[in-house]
Amino acid sequence: MRPKRPRSWWQTIVADFETSGLTVTRFAAVHDLHPESLRHWRSKLARELPAAGGMALVRVELAEVAPLAPQVLTAVVGPAELRVIIGTDPSYVGAVVAAIARAAQPC
């Protein structure tokens, strides 16, 4: 006879089963369980869920968060200063820097 497993263990097993995509029989075989034990605990835990379709309301408090200022990179190219937001496409920035450098060259 197997030792009695705690409720918390069955809660974890049932949650794993629910997300596994396996049949009761296959999941039980993989985890060395009796299929009827898994069915029993699945049913027992489901009956204990709140009546609202297995969902419960929880209180959520939102904290005010100051918006982040975008981080800016400044590149000096000859007499020009180019400011770009970090994360801007590097090939675009390179093309702009090259155009500024060409424009800054004496004729």
C-alpha atoms as a PDB file:
ATOM      1  CA  MET A   1       0.000   0.000   0.000  1.00  0.00           C
ATOM      2  CA  ARG A   2       1.270   3.444  -0.903  1.00  0.00           C
ATOM      3  CA  PRO A   3       1.687   6.142   1.723  1.00  0.00           C
ATOM      4  CA  LYS A   4      -1.088   8.724   1.930  1.00  0.00           C
ATOM      5  CA  ARG A   5      -0.152  11.789  -0.080  1.00  0.00           C
ATOM      6  CA  PRO A   6      -0.983  15.251   1.258  1.00  0.00           C
ATOM      7  CA  ARG A   7      -3.666  17.436  -0.263  1.00  0.00           C
ATOM      8  CA  SER A   8      -1.045  19.944  -1.492  1.00  0.00           C
ATOM      9  CA  TRP A   9       0.638  17.162  -3.476  1.00  0.00           C
ATOM     10  CA  TRP A  10      -2.662  16.280  -5.151  1.00  0.00           C
ATOM     11  CA  GLN A  11      -3.373  19.938  -5.916  1.00  0.00           C
ATOM     12  CA  THR A  12      -0.051  20.134  -7.755  1.00  0.00           C
ATOM     13  CA  ILE A  13      -0.652  16.842  -9.585  1.00  0.00           C
ATOM     14  CA  VAL A  14      -4.171  17.853 -10.660  1.00  0.00           C
ATOM     15  CA  ALA A  15      -2.907  21.254 -11.858  1.00  0.00           C
ATOM     16  CA  ASP A  16      -0.142  19.505 -13.824  1.00  0.00           C
ATOM     17  CA  PHE A  17      -2.687  17.115 -15.314  1.00  0.00           C
ATOM     18  CA  GLU A  18      -4.999  19.964 -16.364  1.00  0.00           C
ATOM     19  CA  THR A  19      -2.213  21.584 -18.401  1.00  0.00           C
ATOM     20  CA  SER A  20      -0.680  18.361 -19.711  1.00  0.00           C
ATOM     21  CA  GLY A  21      -3.089  17.645 -22.560  1.00  0.00           C
ATOM     22  CA  LEU A  22      -2.933  13.942 -21.663  1.00  0.00           C
ATOM     23  CA  THR A  23      -5.805  11.614 -20.900  1.00  0.00           C
ATOM     24  CA  VAL A  24      -6.346  10.576 -17.282  1.00  0.00           C
ATOM     25  CA  THR A  25      -5.161   7.069 -18.102  1.00  0.00           C
ATOM     26  CA  ARG A  26      -1.966   8.220 -19.842  1.00  0.00           C
ATOM     27  CA  PHE A  27      -1.104  10.875 -17.228  1.00  0.00           C
ATOM     28  CA  ALA A  28      -1.663   8.363 -14.422  1.00  0.00           C
ATOM     29  CA  ALA A  29       0.594   5.817 -16.137  1.00  0.00           C
ATOM     30  CA  VAL A  30       3.375   8.362 -16.658  1.00  0.00           C
ATOM     31  CA  HIS A  31       3.200   9.448 -12.993  1.00  0.00           C
ATOM     32  CA  ASP A  32       2.692   5.940 -11.570  1.00  0.00           C
ATOM     33  CA  LEU A  33      -0.784   6.757 -10.239  1.00  0.00           C
ATOM     34  CA  HIS A  34      -4.048   4.879 -10.198  1.00  0.00           C
ATOM     35  CA  PRO A  35      -6.359   6.573 -12.741  1.00  0.00           C
ATOM     36  CA  GLU A  36      -9.269   6.381 -10.276  1.00  0.00           C
ATOM     37  CA  SER A  37      -7.234   8.243  -7.639  1.00  0.00           C
ATOM     38  CA  LEU A  38      -6.518  11.007 -10.113  1.00  0.00           C
ATOM     39  CA  ARG A  39     -10.191  11.154 -11.115  1.00  0.00           C
ATOM     40  CA  HIS A  40     -11.237  11.257  -7.455  1.00  0.00           C
ATOM     41  CA  TRP A  41      -8.911  14.129  -6.537  1.00  0.00           C
ATOM     42  CA  ARG A  42      -9.668  16.042  -9.716  1.00  0.00           C
ATOM     43  CA  SER A  43     -13.388  15.847  -8.956  1.00  0.00           C
ATOM     44  CA  LYS A  44     -12.931  16.592  -5.251  1.00  0.00           C
ATOM     45  CA  LEU A  45     -10.805  19.694  -5.874  1.00  0.00           C
ATOM     46  CA  ALA A  46     -13.129  20.923  -8.629  1.00  0.00           C
ATOM     47  CA  ARG A  47     -16.145  20.719  -6.275  1.00  0.00           C
ATOM     48  CA  GLU A  48     -14.328  22.901  -3.765  1.00  0.00           C
ATOM     49  CA  LEU A  49     -13.724  25.754  -6.212  1.00  0.00           C
ATOM     50  CA  PRO A  50     -15.951  28.848  -5.916  1.00  0.00           C
ATOM     51  CA  ALA A  51     -19.252  28.602  -7.786  1.00  0.00           C
ATOM     52  CA  ALA A  52     -18.254  31.344 -10.278  1.00  0.00           C
ATOM     53  CA  GLY A  53     -16.854  28.924 -12.841  1.00  0.00           C
ATOM     54  CA  GLY A  54     -13.781  28.139 -10.791  1.00  0.00           C
ATOM     55  CA  MET A  55     -12.852  31.786 -10.455  1.00  0.00           C
ATOM     56  CA  ALA A  56     -12.738  34.100  -7.498  1.00  0.00           C
ATOM     57  CA  LEU A  57     -12.491  37.846  -7.194  1.00  0.00           C
ATOM     58  CA  VAL A  58      -9.321  39.257  -5.726  1.00  0.00           C
ATOM     59  CA  ARG A  59      -8.546  42.786  -4.656  1.00  0.00           C
ATOM     60  CA  VAL A  60      -6.010  44.534  -6.879  1.00  0.00           C
ATOM     61  CA  GLU A  61      -4.435  47.841  -6.039  1.00  0.00           C
ATOM     62  CA  LEU A  62      -2.585  49.738  -8.725  1.00  0.00           C
ATOM     63  CA  ALA A  63       0.378  51.848  -7.783  1.00  0.00           C
ATOM     64  CA  GLU A  64       1.067  55.067  -9.604  1.00  0.00           C
ATOM     65  CA  VAL A  65       4.186  54.762 -11.675  1.00  0.00           C
ATOM     66  CA  ALA A  66       5.921  57.744 -13.190  1.00  0.00           C
ATOM     67  CA  PRO A  67       6.397  57.305 -16.919  1.00  0.00           C
ATOM     68  CA  LEU A  68       9.947  56.550 -17.889  1.00  0.00           C
ATOM     69  CA  ALA A  69      11.716  59.195 -19.897  1.00  0.00           C
ATOM     70  CA  PRO A  70      13.216  57.688 -23.033  1.00  0.00           C
ATOM     71  CA  GLN A  71      16.956  57.186 -22.824  1.00  0.00           C
ATOM     72  CA  VAL A  72      18.728  59.218 -25.448  1.00  0.00           C
ATOM     73  CA  LEU A  73      22.111  58.709 -27.079  1.00  0.00           C
ATOM     74  CA  THR A  74      23.911  61.775 -28.374  1.00  0.00           C
ATOM     75  CA  ALA A  75      26.376  61.448 -31.258  1.00  0.00           C
ATOM     76  CA  VAL A  76      28.543  64.362 -32.362  1.00  0.00           C
ATOM     77  CA  VAL A  77      29.334  64.244 -36.061  1.00  0.00           C
ATOM     78  CA  GLY A  78      31.514  67.193 -37.099  1.00  0.00           C
ATOM     79  CA  PRO A  79      29.570  70.342 -36.268  1.00  0.00           C
ATOM     80  CA  ALA A  80      26.292  68.407 -35.889  1.00  0.00           C
ATOM     81  CA  GLU A  81      24.832  66.772 -32.843  1.00  0.00           C
ATOM     82  CA  LEU A  82      22.460  63.851 -33.361  1.00  0.00           C
ATOM     83  CA  ARG A  83      20.182  62.631 -30.566  1.00  0.00           C
ATOM     84  CA  VAL A  84      18.435  59.295 -30.953  1.00  0.00           C
ATOM     85  CA  ILE A  85      16.320  57.239 -28.599  1.00  0.00           C
ATOM     86  CA  ILE A  86      18.133  54.095 -27.520  1.00  0.00           C
ATOM     87  CA  GLY A  87      16.612  51.201 -29.395  1.00  0.00           C
ATOM     88  CA  THR A  88      16.371  53.046 -32.711  1.00  0.00           C
ATOM     89  CA  ASP A  89      17.316  50.822 -35.648  1.00  0.00           C
ATOM     90  CA  PRO A  90      21.144  50.910 -35.823  1.00  0.00           C
ATOM     91  CA  SER A  91      21.213  50.794 -39.635  1.00  0.00           C
ATOM     92  CA  TYR A  92      18.986  53.892 -39.733  1.00  0.00           C
ATOM     93  CA  VAL A  93      21.243  55.734 -37.276  1.00  0.00           C
ATOM     94  CA  GLY A  94      24.296  54.715 -39.297  1.00  0.00           C
ATOM     95  CA  ALA A  95      22.755  56.033 -42.502  1.00  0.00           C
ATOM     96  CA  VAL A  96      21.896  59.371 -40.829  1.00  0.00           C
ATOM     97  CA  VAL A  97      25.423  59.715 -39.372  1.00  0.00           C
ATOM     98  CA  ALA A  98      26.947  58.943 -42.781  1.00  0.00           C
ATOM     99  CA  ALA A  99      24.709  61.544 -44.465  1.00  0.00           C
ATOM    100  CA  ILE A 100      25.633  64.159 -41.863  1.00  0.00           C
ATOM    101  CA  ALA A 101      29.331  63.344 -42.274  1.00  0.00           C
ATOM    102  CA  ARG A 102      29.084  63.690 -46.072  1.00  0.00           C
ATOM    103  CA  ALA A 103      27.215  66.980 -45.741  1.00  0.00           C
ATOM    104  CA  ALA A 104      29.810  68.324 -43.289  1.00  0.00           C
ATOM    105  CA  GLN A 105      32.732  67.687 -45.691  1.00  0.00           C
ATOM    106  CA  PRO A 106      34.013  70.727 -47.565  1.00  0.00           C
ATOM    107  CA  CYS A 107      33.193  70.831 -51.238  1.00  0.00           C
END
